[in-house]
Amino acid sequence: MTPKEKADELIEKMFSNMPKYLQGKIGWETAKQCALICVDDTLEALEHNHWQNKDWINHYKEVKQEIEKADISNYMRISE
């Protein structure tokens, strides 16, 4: 899975688990922040054995960058 695909998956998981009345722009921004927290926790766990996990660490750093630059207009389900 590419970093972009993983970023999209995490945002969508967070967003789809919100109550329907929150699934607007504010909910999407909240989902994005939750996805960033998830990635930060994953990176923190991987850092404990950084010598063994350097490829995964790099992957999740790229996932984090993709989440940070994600824009609501790219998510058709949300904008409908």
Protein backbone atom coordinates (compact mmCIF):
# COMPACT_ATOMS: atom_id res chain seq x y z
CA MET A 1 0.00 0.00 0.00
CA THR A 2 1.41 3.38 -0.96
CA PRO A 3 1.72 6.15 1.64
CA LYS A 4 -1.10 8.05 -0.12
CA GLU A 5 -3.38 5.02 -0.03
CA LYS A 6 -2.62 4.44 3.66
CA ALA A 7 -3.25 8.10 4.45
CA ASP A 8 -6.59 7.98 2.65
CA GLU A 9 -7.52 4.75 4.41
CA LEU A 10 -6.77 6.17 7.87
CA ILE A 11 -8.68 9.39 7.26
CA GLU A 12 -11.65 7.46 5.88
CA LYS A 13 -11.66 5.05 8.84
CA MET A 14 -11.67 7.92 11.31
CA PHE A 15 -14.30 9.84 9.37
CA SER A 16 -16.66 6.92 8.83
CA ASN A 17 -16.69 6.14 12.55
CA MET A 18 -18.02 9.58 13.46
CA PRO A 19 -21.71 10.22 14.01
CA LYS A 20 -23.42 11.36 10.80
CA TYR A 21 -24.12 14.85 12.17
CA LEU A 22 -20.36 15.44 12.49
CA GLN A 23 -19.50 14.31 8.98
CA GLY A 24 -18.95 17.74 7.48
CA LYS A 25 -15.84 19.90 7.21
CA ILE A 26 -15.31 19.98 10.98
CA GLY A 27 -15.66 16.20 11.17
CA TRP A 28 -13.24 15.76 8.29
CA GLU A 29 -10.65 17.99 9.97
CA THR A 30 -11.13 16.01 13.19
CA ALA A 31 -10.70 12.73 11.29
CA LYS A 32 -7.50 14.09 9.77
CA GLN A 33 -6.16 14.99 13.23
CA CYS A 34 -7.09 11.54 14.57
CA ALA A 35 -5.25 9.91 11.66
CA LEU A 36 -2.17 12.02 12.46
CA ILE A 37 -2.32 10.90 16.10
CA CYS A 38 -2.51 7.29 14.93
CA VAL A 39 0.54 7.71 12.70
CA ASP A 40 2.49 9.51 15.44
CA ASP A 41 1.78 6.63 17.84
CA THR A 42 2.83 4.11 15.19
CA LEU A 43 6.06 6.01 14.58
CA GLU A 44 6.76 6.17 18.31
CA ALA A 45 6.32 2.40 18.62
CA LEU A 46 8.54 1.73 15.59
CA GLU A 47 11.29 3.99 16.97
CA HIS A 48 11.88 1.60 19.88
CA ASN A 49 13.62 -0.75 17.45
CA HIS A 50 14.56 1.84 14.86
CA TRP A 51 17.48 -0.20 13.51
CA GLN A 52 15.04 -2.98 12.66
CA ASN A 53 12.17 -0.81 11.42
CA LYS A 54 13.81 1.90 9.32
CA ASP A 55 11.81 1.05 6.18
CA TRP A 56 8.52 1.17 8.11
CA ILE A 57 9.55 4.40 9.82
CA ASN A 58 10.21 6.00 6.43
CA HIS A 59 6.90 4.66 5.11
CA TYR A 60 4.91 6.13 8.00
CA LYS A 61 6.74 9.46 7.75
CA GLU A 62 5.52 9.62 4.16
CA VAL A 63 2.01 8.62 5.30
CA LYS A 64 2.10 11.51 7.78
CA GLN A 65 3.10 13.94 5.01
CA GLU A 66 0.22 12.71 2.85
CA ILE A 67 -2.26 13.19 5.71
CA GLU A 68 -0.96 16.69 6.39
CA LYS A 69 -1.43 17.75 2.78
CA ALA A 70 -4.78 15.97 2.35
CA ASP A 71 -7.57 18.29 1.23
CA ILE A 72 -11.28 17.79 1.74
CA SER A 73 -12.00 18.51 -1.93
CA ASN A 74 -10.21 15.25 -2.83
CA TYR A 75 -12.73 13.21 -0.86
CA MET A 76 -15.84 12.90 -3.01
CA ARG A 77 -17.88 11.02 -0.42
CA ILE A 78 -17.47 13.85 2.05
CA SER A 79 -18.27 16.66 -0.38
CA GLU A 80 -21.48 15.03 -1.68
